[in-house]
């Protein structure tokens, strides 16, 4: 998750008439840190986007030193199937049609095998 609650209540927050503000703070960027210390590993990331899917995913791929990124429009969340785009370091975009997420994972692993075989 990108964010977490800034304050955590030690007790249940009882329902009342008042409203309260939920303040969030960023979580550490684990993928970025792994990308900084990649040391020959193949690194795959995921990009859940609501707009500019390919542009934002490519930027994340570069920023986090990834080999591949799977870009997903978040409208596919909550469903067993999704249509995604797999983007590599060279900027090649492979658009996958709507398929089960297990099948997407198999396609991603196929791309990882291709990188390993180079």
C-alpha atoms as a PDB file:
ATOM      1  CA  UNK A   1       0.000   0.000   0.000  1.00  0.00           C
ATOM      2  CA  UNK A   2       1.242   3.499  -0.740  1.00  0.00           C
ATOM      3  CA  UNK A   3      -0.159   5.004   2.472  1.00  0.00           C
ATOM      4  CA  UNK A   4      -1.023   4.026   6.039  1.00  0.00           C
ATOM      5  CA  UNK A   5      -2.906   5.785   8.861  1.00  0.00           C
ATOM      6  CA  UNK A   6      -0.720   8.342  10.620  1.00  0.00           C
ATOM      7  CA  UNK A   7      -2.284   7.632  14.004  1.00  0.00           C
ATOM      8  CA  UNK A   8      -3.538   4.251  15.166  1.00  0.00           C
ATOM      9  CA  UNK A   9      -6.157   4.092  17.889  1.00  0.00           C
ATOM     10  CA  UNK A  10      -5.483   1.616  20.672  1.00  0.00           C
ATOM     11  CA  UNK A  11      -9.227   1.326  21.198  1.00  0.00           C
ATOM     12  CA  UNK A  12     -12.274   0.972  19.039  1.00  0.00           C
ATOM     13  CA  UNK A  13     -13.496   4.302  17.705  1.00  0.00           C
ATOM     14  CA  UNK A  14     -17.142   4.333  18.755  1.00  0.00           C
ATOM     15  CA  UNK A  15     -19.784   5.578  16.393  1.00  0.00           C
ATOM     16  CA  UNK A  16     -20.972   9.032  17.305  1.00  0.00           C
ATOM     17  CA  UNK A  17     -22.381  12.142  15.749  1.00  0.00           C
ATOM     18  CA  UNK A  18     -19.030  13.822  15.258  1.00  0.00           C
ATOM     19  CA  UNK A  19     -16.870  13.357  12.234  1.00  0.00           C
ATOM     20  CA  UNK A  20     -13.157  12.746  12.315  1.00  0.00           C
ATOM     21  CA  UNK A  21     -10.280  13.188   9.933  1.00  0.00           C
ATOM     22  CA  UNK A  22      -8.259  10.183   8.863  1.00  0.00           C
ATOM     23  CA  UNK A  23      -4.712  11.370   8.219  1.00  0.00           C
ATOM     24  CA  UNK A  24      -2.445   9.229   6.030  1.00  0.00           C
ATOM     25  CA  UNK A  25       1.323   9.095   5.664  1.00  0.00           C
ATOM     26  CA  UNK A  26       3.400   7.397   2.973  1.00  0.00           C
ATOM     27  CA  UNK A  27       4.743   3.900   3.487  1.00  0.00           C
ATOM     28  CA  UNK A  28       8.395   3.216   2.687  1.00  0.00           C
ATOM     29  CA  UNK A  29       8.911   2.548  -1.039  1.00  0.00           C
ATOM     30  CA  UNK A  30      10.187  -1.016  -0.864  1.00  0.00           C
ATOM     31  CA  UNK A  31      10.272  -1.527  -4.648  1.00  0.00           C
ATOM     32  CA  UNK A  32      12.412   1.591  -5.118  1.00  0.00           C
ATOM     33  CA  UNK A  33      14.868   0.403  -2.470  1.00  0.00           C
ATOM     34  CA  UNK A  34      15.123  -3.067  -4.033  1.00  0.00           C
ATOM     35  CA  UNK A  35      15.688  -1.446  -7.445  1.00  0.00           C
ATOM     36  CA  UNK A  36      18.561   0.599  -6.007  1.00  0.00           C
ATOM     37  CA  UNK A  37      20.250  -2.612  -4.829  1.00  0.00           C
ATOM     38  CA  UNK A  38      19.183  -4.844  -7.701  1.00  0.00           C
ATOM     39  CA  UNK A  39      22.560  -6.602  -8.151  1.00  0.00           C
ATOM     40  CA  UNK A  40      21.644  -8.562 -11.283  1.00  0.00           C
ATOM     41  CA  UNK A  41      18.183  -9.616 -10.137  1.00  0.00           C
ATOM     42  CA  UNK A  42      15.212  -9.432 -12.477  1.00  0.00           C
ATOM     43  CA  UNK A  43      12.710  -7.047 -10.954  1.00  0.00           C
ATOM     44  CA  UNK A  44       9.018  -6.911 -11.923  1.00  0.00           C
ATOM     45  CA  UNK A  45       6.672  -4.230 -10.628  1.00  0.00           C
ATOM     46  CA  UNK A  46       2.977  -3.508 -10.882  1.00  0.00           C
ATOM     47  CA  UNK A  47       1.336  -0.211 -11.664  1.00  0.00           C
ATOM     48  CA  UNK A  48      -2.314   0.343 -10.756  1.00  0.00           C
ATOM     49  CA  UNK A  49      -3.469   3.481 -12.527  1.00  0.00           C
ATOM     50  CA  UNK A  50      -6.622   5.491 -13.162  1.00  0.00           C
ATOM     51  CA  UNK A  51      -5.218   7.652 -15.978  1.00  0.00           C
ATOM     52  CA  UNK A  52      -2.286   7.771 -18.406  1.00  0.00           C
ATOM     53  CA  UNK A  53      -1.730   4.055 -17.872  1.00  0.00           C
ATOM     54  CA  UNK A  54       1.287   3.509 -20.139  1.00  0.00           C
ATOM     55  CA  UNK A  55       2.942   6.882 -19.454  1.00  0.00           C
ATOM     56  CA  UNK A  56       2.732   6.470 -15.672  1.00  0.00           C
ATOM     57  CA  UNK A  57       3.831   2.825 -15.797  1.00  0.00           C
ATOM     58  CA  UNK A  58       6.875   3.653 -17.952  1.00  0.00           C
ATOM     59  CA  UNK A  59       7.882   6.413 -15.543  1.00  0.00           C
ATOM     60  CA  UNK A  60       7.594   4.002 -12.598  1.00  0.00           C
ATOM     61  CA  UNK A  61       9.618   1.367 -14.465  1.00  0.00           C
ATOM     62  CA  UNK A  62      12.491   3.845 -14.966  1.00  0.00           C
ATOM     63  CA  UNK A  63      12.270   5.421 -11.508  1.00  0.00           C
ATOM     64  CA  UNK A  64      12.361   2.070  -9.709  1.00  0.00           C
ATOM     65  CA  UNK A  65      14.923   0.373 -12.006  1.00  0.00           C
ATOM     66  CA  UNK A  66      12.560  -2.419 -13.073  1.00  0.00           C
ATOM     67  CA  UNK A  67      12.968  -4.940 -15.887  1.00  0.00           C
ATOM     68  CA  UNK A  68       9.224  -5.298 -16.468  1.00  0.00           C
ATOM     69  CA  UNK A  69       6.114  -3.572 -15.236  1.00  0.00           C
ATOM     70  CA  UNK A  70       2.547  -4.837 -15.404  1.00  0.00           C
ATOM     71  CA  UNK A  71       0.223  -1.884 -15.928  1.00  0.00           C
ATOM     72  CA  UNK A  72      -3.360  -2.333 -14.824  1.00  0.00           C
ATOM     73  CA  UNK A  73      -6.276   0.062 -15.026  1.00  0.00           C
ATOM     74  CA  UNK A  74      -7.775  -0.230 -11.546  1.00  0.00           C
ATOM     75  CA  UNK A  75     -11.245  -0.770 -12.971  1.00  0.00           C
ATOM     76  CA  UNK A  76     -10.164  -4.454 -13.155  1.00  0.00           C
ATOM     77  CA  UNK A  77      -9.719  -4.768  -9.396  1.00  0.00           C
ATOM     78  CA  UNK A  78     -11.995  -7.164  -7.585  1.00  0.00           C
ATOM     79  CA  UNK A  79     -12.489  -9.317 -10.648  1.00  0.00           C
ATOM     80  CA  UNK A  80     -10.804 -12.680 -11.315  1.00  0.00           C
ATOM     81  CA  UNK A  81      -9.911 -11.405 -14.801  1.00  0.00           C
ATOM     82  CA  UNK A  82      -8.195  -8.316 -16.078  1.00  0.00           C
ATOM     83  CA  UNK A  83      -6.656  -6.788 -19.214  1.00  0.00           C
ATOM     84  CA  UNK A  84      -3.124  -5.508 -18.608  1.00  0.00           C
ATOM     85  CA  UNK A  85      -0.111  -4.192 -20.436  1.00  0.00           C
ATOM     86  CA  UNK A  86       3.371  -5.616 -19.885  1.00  0.00           C
ATOM     87  CA  UNK A  87       6.087  -3.035 -20.506  1.00  0.00           C
ATOM     88  CA  UNK A  88       9.814  -3.789 -20.714  1.00  0.00           C
ATOM     89  CA  UNK A  89      12.930  -1.615 -20.243  1.00  0.00           C
ATOM     90  CA  UNK A  90      13.099  -0.906 -23.974  1.00  0.00           C
ATOM     91  CA  UNK A  91       9.590   0.582 -23.819  1.00  0.00           C
ATOM     92  CA  UNK A  92       7.907  -2.285 -25.689  1.00  0.00           C
ATOM     93  CA  UNK A  93       4.262  -2.558 -24.673  1.00  0.00           C
ATOM     94  CA  UNK A  94       2.477  -5.910 -24.880  1.00  0.00           C
ATOM     95  CA  UNK A  95      -1.291  -5.556 -24.459  1.00  0.00           C
ATOM     96  CA  UNK A  96      -2.912  -8.657 -23.032  1.00  0.00           C
ATOM     97  CA  UNK A  97      -6.632  -9.200 -23.579  1.00  0.00           C
ATOM     98  CA  UNK A  98      -8.900  -9.785 -20.609  1.00  0.00           C
ATOM     99  CA  UNK A  99      -7.879 -13.066 -19.023  1.00  0.00           C
ATOM    100  CA  UNK A 100      -7.713 -14.746 -15.640  1.00  0.00           C
ATOM    101  CA  UNK A 101      -5.066 -13.303 -13.340  1.00  0.00           C
ATOM    102  CA  UNK A 102      -3.409 -16.734 -13.141  1.00  0.00           C
ATOM    103  CA  UNK A 103      -2.946 -16.613 -16.917  1.00  0.00           C
ATOM    104  CA  UNK A 104      -1.512 -13.087 -16.648  1.00  0.00           C
ATOM    105  CA  UNK A 105       0.987 -14.360 -14.081  1.00  0.00           C
ATOM    106  CA  UNK A 106       2.036 -17.129 -16.483  1.00  0.00           C
ATOM    107  CA  UNK A 107       2.598 -14.576 -19.264  1.00  0.00           C
ATOM    108  CA  UNK A 108       4.672 -12.393 -16.930  1.00  0.00           C
ATOM    109  CA  UNK A 109       6.791 -15.413 -15.976  1.00  0.00           C
ATOM    110  CA  UNK A 110       7.258 -16.193 -19.685  1.00  0.00           C
ATOM    111  CA  UNK A 111       8.676 -12.675 -20.129  1.00  0.00           C
ATOM    112  CA  UNK A 112      10.966 -13.160 -17.124  1.00  0.00           C
ATOM    113  CA  UNK A 113      12.247 -16.410 -18.684  1.00  0.00           C
ATOM    114  CA  UNK A 114      12.988 -14.509 -21.914  1.00  0.00           C
ATOM    115  CA  UNK A 115      15.070 -11.996 -19.959  1.00  0.00           C
ATOM    116  CA  UNK A 116      16.915 -14.802 -18.152  1.00  0.00           C
ATOM    117  CA  UNK A 117      17.742 -16.501 -21.463  1.00  0.00           C
ATOM    118  CA  UNK A 118      19.477 -13.391 -22.874  1.00  0.00           C
END
